[in-house]
Protein backbone atom coordinates (compact mmCIF):
# COMPACT_ATOMS: atom_id res chain seq x y z
CA UNK A 1 -66.03 -11.77 -56.69
CA UNK A 2 -66.21 -15.34 -56.07
CA UNK A 3 -63.93 -17.49 -54.76
CA UNK A 4 -63.40 -14.22 -53.79
CA UNK A 5 -71.23 -3.89 -51.25
CA UNK A 6 -78.39 0.46 -47.80
CA UNK A 7 -74.77 0.84 -47.90
CA UNK A 8 -72.62 0.50 -44.73
CA UNK A 9 -70.43 -2.60 -44.90
CA UNK A 10 -67.13 -3.54 -46.36
CA UNK A 11 -65.59 -5.24 -49.33
CA UNK A 12 -62.51 -7.01 -50.51
CA UNK A 13 -60.53 -5.93 -53.61
CA UNK A 14 -58.75 -8.51 -55.74
CA UNK A 15 -55.80 -7.52 -57.85
CA UNK A 16 -55.86 -9.07 -61.28
CA UNK A 17 -52.13 -9.28 -61.74
CA UNK A 18 -51.63 -7.98 -65.23
CA UNK A 19 -54.57 -5.58 -64.95
CA UNK A 20 -53.74 -2.23 -63.42
CA UNK A 21 -57.01 -1.92 -61.48
CA UNK A 22 -58.47 -4.48 -59.06
CA UNK A 23 -61.42 -6.50 -60.26
CA UNK A 24 -63.28 -6.40 -56.99
CA UNK A 25 -63.76 -8.07 -53.65
CA UNK A 26 -64.06 -11.67 -54.65
CA UNK A 27 -60.59 -12.98 -54.60
CA UNK A 28 -59.80 -16.12 -56.49
CA UNK A 29 -58.57 -19.56 -55.70
CA UNK A 30 -58.13 -20.35 -52.07
CA UNK A 31 -59.09 -22.88 -49.44
CA UNK A 32 -62.26 -24.69 -50.42
CA UNK A 33 -65.44 -24.60 -48.36
CA UNK A 34 -66.76 -27.42 -46.27
CA UNK A 35 -69.74 -29.50 -47.27
CA UNK A 36 -72.83 -27.36 -47.88
CA UNK A 37 -75.97 -28.52 -46.11
CA UNK A 38 -78.11 -25.77 -47.70
CA UNK A 39 -80.85 -26.05 -45.11
CA UNK A 40 -84.12 -24.30 -45.94
CA UNK A 41 -84.87 -21.17 -43.92
CA UNK A 42 -88.26 -19.80 -44.87
CA UNK A 43 -91.48 -21.31 -43.65
CA UNK A 44 -94.18 -22.79 -45.81
CA UNK A 45 -95.95 -20.35 -48.15
CA UNK A 46 -99.04 -20.69 -45.99
CA UNK A 47 -97.14 -19.06 -43.11
CA UNK A 48 -97.36 -15.70 -44.94
CA UNK A 49 -94.79 -13.86 -42.77
CA UNK A 50 -95.02 -10.10 -42.24
CA UNK A 51 -91.25 -10.00 -41.57
CA UNK A 52 -88.25 -11.48 -43.35
CA UNK A 53 -87.99 -14.95 -41.76
CA UNK A 54 -84.99 -15.44 -39.50
CA UNK A 55 -84.13 -11.71 -39.36
CA UNK A 56 -84.28 -9.91 -36.03
CA UNK A 57 -85.28 -6.34 -35.22
CA UNK A 58 -81.79 -4.85 -35.64
CA UNK A 59 -81.49 -5.70 -39.33
CA UNK A 60 -85.23 -5.75 -40.03
CA UNK A 61 -85.32 -2.02 -39.21
CA UNK A 62 -82.63 -1.39 -41.82
CA UNK A 63 -84.74 -2.74 -44.67
CA UNK A 64 -86.09 0.40 -46.37
CA UNK A 65 -89.86 0.84 -46.08
CA UNK A 66 -90.05 1.19 -49.88
CA UNK A 67 -88.33 -2.13 -50.55
CA UNK A 68 -90.54 -4.80 -52.10
CA UNK A 69 -87.83 -7.36 -52.92
CA UNK A 70 -85.29 -8.89 -50.55
CA UNK A 71 -82.51 -11.33 -51.32
CA UNK A 72 -81.73 -13.01 -48.00
CA UNK A 73 -78.37 -14.75 -47.66
CA UNK A 74 -78.52 -17.12 -44.69
CA UNK A 75 -75.04 -18.27 -43.73
CA UNK A 76 -74.88 -21.68 -42.11
CA UNK A 77 -72.51 -20.44 -39.39
CA UNK A 78 -70.20 -17.61 -38.36
CA UNK A 79 -67.14 -19.45 -39.65
CA UNK A 80 -68.79 -21.39 -42.48
CA UNK A 81 -68.62 -20.67 -46.24
CA UNK A 82 -71.95 -22.41 -46.83
CA UNK A 83 -75.24 -20.57 -47.19
CA UNK A 84 -78.77 -20.54 -48.59
CA UNK A 85 -80.16 -17.66 -50.67
CA UNK A 86 -83.89 -16.93 -50.51
CA UNK A 87 -85.76 -14.37 -52.64
CA UNK A 88 -88.73 -12.67 -50.97
CA UNK A 89 -91.34 -10.35 -52.51
CA UNK A 90 -93.58 -8.07 -50.46
CA UNK A 91 -97.27 -8.17 -51.30
CA UNK A 92 -99.22 -5.81 -49.10
CA UNK A 93 -97.81 -6.39 -45.60
CA UNK A 94 -96.69 -9.95 -46.33
CA UNK A 95 -93.26 -11.19 -47.40
CA UNK A 96 -93.73 -14.20 -49.68
CA UNK A 97 -90.86 -16.56 -50.41
CA UNK A 98 -90.39 -16.73 -54.19
CA UNK A 99 -87.48 -19.12 -54.60
CA UNK A 100 -84.40 -20.42 -52.83
CA UNK A 101 -81.01 -21.82 -53.84
CA UNK A 102 -77.87 -23.33 -52.30
CA UNK A 103 -75.16 -20.67 -52.02
CA UNK A 104 -71.71 -19.82 -50.70
CA UNK A 105 -70.22 -16.84 -48.85
CA UNK A 106 -66.71 -15.88 -47.75
CA UNK A 107 -64.27 -18.73 -47.17
CA UNK A 108 -63.81 -17.71 -43.52
CA UNK A 109 -67.48 -16.98 -42.86
CA UNK A 110 -68.97 -13.65 -41.72
CA UNK A 111 -67.96 -10.42 -40.00
CA UNK A 112 -69.64 -7.26 -38.71
CA UNK A 113 -66.40 -5.31 -39.31
CA UNK A 114 -65.21 -6.29 -42.77
CA UNK A 115 -61.74 -5.29 -43.93
CA UNK A 116 -59.85 -5.70 -47.17
CA UNK A 117 -58.70 -9.26 -47.76
CA UNK A 118 -60.15 -10.83 -44.60
CA UNK A 119 -62.02 -13.52 -46.59
CA UNK A 120 -65.21 -12.82 -44.60
CA UNK A 121 -68.52 -11.63 -46.03
CA UNK A 122 -69.96 -8.49 -44.41
CA UNK A 123 -73.08 -8.81 -42.29
CA UNK A 124 -75.73 -6.20 -43.08
CA UNK A 125 -78.47 -4.80 -45.29
CA UNK A 126 -77.35 -3.36 -48.62
CA UNK A 127 -79.15 -2.03 -51.67
CA UNK A 128 -78.83 -3.73 -55.06
CA UNK A 129 -78.50 -1.10 -57.78
CA UNK A 130 -76.23 -2.30 -60.60
CA UNK A 131 -75.37 -5.46 -62.50
CA UNK A 132 -73.06 -6.61 -65.25
CA UNK A 133 -70.82 -9.39 -66.40
CA UNK A 134 -68.50 -10.82 -68.99
CA UNK A 135 -71.52 -12.19 -70.88
CA UNK A 136 -74.25 -10.12 -72.57
CA UNK A 137 -77.30 -8.92 -70.67
CA UNK A 138 -79.64 -11.93 -70.17
CA UNK A 139 -82.65 -9.64 -69.72
CA UNK A 140 -81.75 -7.88 -66.49
CA UNK A 141 -84.04 -5.22 -65.02
CA UNK A 142 -81.20 -3.63 -63.08
CA UNK A 143 -78.80 -1.52 -65.19
CA UNK A 144 -76.42 -4.05 -66.76
CA UNK A 145 -72.88 -3.42 -68.09
CA UNK A 146 -71.25 -6.01 -70.33
CA UNK A 147 -67.47 -5.80 -70.10
CA UNK A 148 -64.53 -8.14 -70.62
CA UNK A 149 -62.89 -6.28 -67.72
CA UNK A 150 -65.31 -8.02 -65.36
CA UNK A 151 -64.25 -11.52 -66.44
CA UNK A 152 -62.31 -13.72 -64.03
CA UNK A 153 -58.58 -13.80 -64.94
CA UNK A 154 -57.44 -16.84 -66.86
CA UNK A 155 -54.58 -17.46 -64.46
CA UNK A 156 -57.22 -18.63 -61.96
CA UNK A 157 -58.15 -22.32 -62.12
CA UNK A 158 -60.53 -23.16 -64.94
CA UNK A 159 -63.35 -23.86 -62.46
CA UNK A 160 -63.33 -20.14 -61.56
CA UNK A 161 -63.40 -18.75 -65.11
CA UNK A 162 -67.18 -18.30 -65.28
CA UNK A 163 -67.67 -16.79 -61.82
CA UNK A 164 -68.27 -13.32 -63.22
CA UNK A 165 -70.21 -14.15 -66.35
CA UNK A 166 -73.10 -12.43 -64.55
CA UNK A 167 -72.83 -10.37 -61.35
CA UNK A 168 -74.99 -8.09 -59.20
CA UNK A 169 -73.11 -5.47 -57.20
CA UNK A 170 -73.87 -5.39 -53.48
CA UNK A 171 -73.81 -1.72 -52.45
CA UNK A 172 -71.19 -2.08 -49.79
CA UNK A 173 -68.55 0.68 -49.87
CA UNK A 174 -69.23 1.50 -53.52
CA UNK A 175 -70.74 4.26 -55.65
CA UNK A 176 -74.20 3.29 -56.85
CA UNK A 177 -75.17 3.94 -60.44
CA UNK A 178 -71.79 2.74 -61.70
CA UNK A 179 -70.69 -0.60 -63.21
CA UNK A 180 -69.96 -3.37 -60.68
CA UNK A 181 -66.20 -3.17 -61.30
CA UNK A 182 -65.95 0.56 -60.49
CA UNK A 183 -63.15 0.76 -57.93
CA UNK A 184 -64.20 3.89 -56.04
CA UNK A 185 -64.42 3.09 -52.31
CA UNK A 186 -66.20 5.93 -50.43
CA UNK A 187 -65.26 4.45 -47.04
CA UNK A 188 -61.63 3.86 -48.01
CA UNK A 189 -59.85 0.85 -49.43
CA UNK A 190 -59.14 -0.63 -46.04
CA UNK A 191 -62.85 -1.38 -45.72
CA UNK A 192 -62.80 -3.52 -48.83
CA UNK A 193 -65.17 -3.41 -51.78
CA UNK A 194 -66.27 -5.26 -54.89
CA UNK A 195 -68.76 -7.40 -52.97
CA UNK A 196 -71.00 -9.10 -55.50
CA UNK A 197 -73.62 -11.74 -56.01
CA UNK A 198 -72.10 -13.92 -58.71
CA UNK A 199 -71.95 -17.45 -60.09
CA UNK A 200 -70.39 -20.13 -57.95
CA UNK A 201 -67.61 -22.63 -58.51
CA UNK A 202 -68.51 -24.99 -55.69
CA UNK A 203 -66.73 -23.49 -52.69
CA UNK A 204 -66.40 -20.33 -50.57
CA UNK A 205 -65.59 -16.86 -51.92
CA UNK A 206 -63.27 -14.05 -50.89
CA UNK A 207 -66.21 -12.00 -49.52
CA UNK A 208 -69.07 -12.28 -52.03
CA UNK A 209 -72.15 -14.49 -52.16
CA UNK A 210 -72.44 -16.94 -55.04
CA UNK A 211 -75.20 -19.03 -56.56
CA UNK A 212 -75.69 -21.19 -59.63
CA UNK A 213 -75.88 -19.82 -63.17
CA UNK A 214 -79.63 -20.46 -63.35
CA UNK A 215 -80.16 -18.67 -60.03
CA UNK A 216 -78.13 -15.66 -61.17
CA UNK A 217 -80.06 -15.38 -64.41
CA UNK A 218 -83.35 -15.65 -62.52
CA UNK A 219 -82.33 -12.92 -60.08
CA UNK A 220 -81.18 -10.65 -62.90
CA UNK A 221 -84.49 -11.04 -64.70
CA UNK A 222 -86.54 -10.60 -61.50
CA UNK A 223 -84.90 -7.91 -59.36
CA UNK A 224 -86.63 -4.66 -60.33
CA UNK A 225 -85.20 -1.22 -59.46
CA UNK A 226 -88.79 0.06 -59.12
CA UNK A 227 -89.21 -2.41 -56.24
CA UNK A 228 -86.07 -1.13 -54.44
CA UNK A 229 -84.34 -4.52 -53.95
CA UNK A 230 -81.94 -5.06 -51.07
CA UNK A 231 -79.85 -7.93 -49.81
CA UNK A 232 -79.99 -8.97 -46.14
CA UNK A 233 -76.94 -11.11 -45.45
CA UNK A 234 -75.14 -12.77 -42.58
CA UNK A 235 -74.81 -15.95 -40.57
CA UNK A 236 -78.01 -17.16 -38.96
CA UNK A 237 -77.05 -16.03 -35.44
CA UNK A 238 -76.18 -12.50 -36.54
CA UNK A 239 -79.31 -12.26 -38.66
CA UNK A 240 -81.51 -13.24 -35.70
CA UNK A 241 -79.78 -10.84 -33.30
């Protein structure tokens, strides 16, 4: 969840106090992120790349051949909570940049070996299969579950209350085809879980990636299961590796 998951990676589970089951990997209030520079990553549309810009062979090979939509989360640095999200669509052999937004990731940056509660976002390529939120479906193409159980707890600061109005589950250590707040962790709870794309509150998360409300609603209305969307996420150095 916010201020705090293809499929290999790891997620963080947040206990909601009064609730008996954890809400997910995005934890809640914590140390704020540093200033977000939100530098642009993709080239000009005229560049017409045949690869996801800024992504090296290691992760590029993990993007399924059938995928036609990629959400790329470019972290500013290994230890930074600041990021840029870019949406790419494949047309023929070309990956066109559709839109981009300022974003945030885990408060402590990125890791290739995520564990429960480490406040790092997992580096990797993960499918995007399910969505939901505390608010009604805004027209999502992905299966969407409206549930009050997804809402951020009211004992968090007010600035966090709308983090989970809309979320997209990142298929890291989770069962696909289930609501985002399903707590089953196939790889074990020590590997974390509940890694989402969700709405931001202006600083780093517990492990998720977050964007503005308008960006979330755009992604929900655009990501199409028939186009096999995935997220490619990590700090710039790890993505290029």
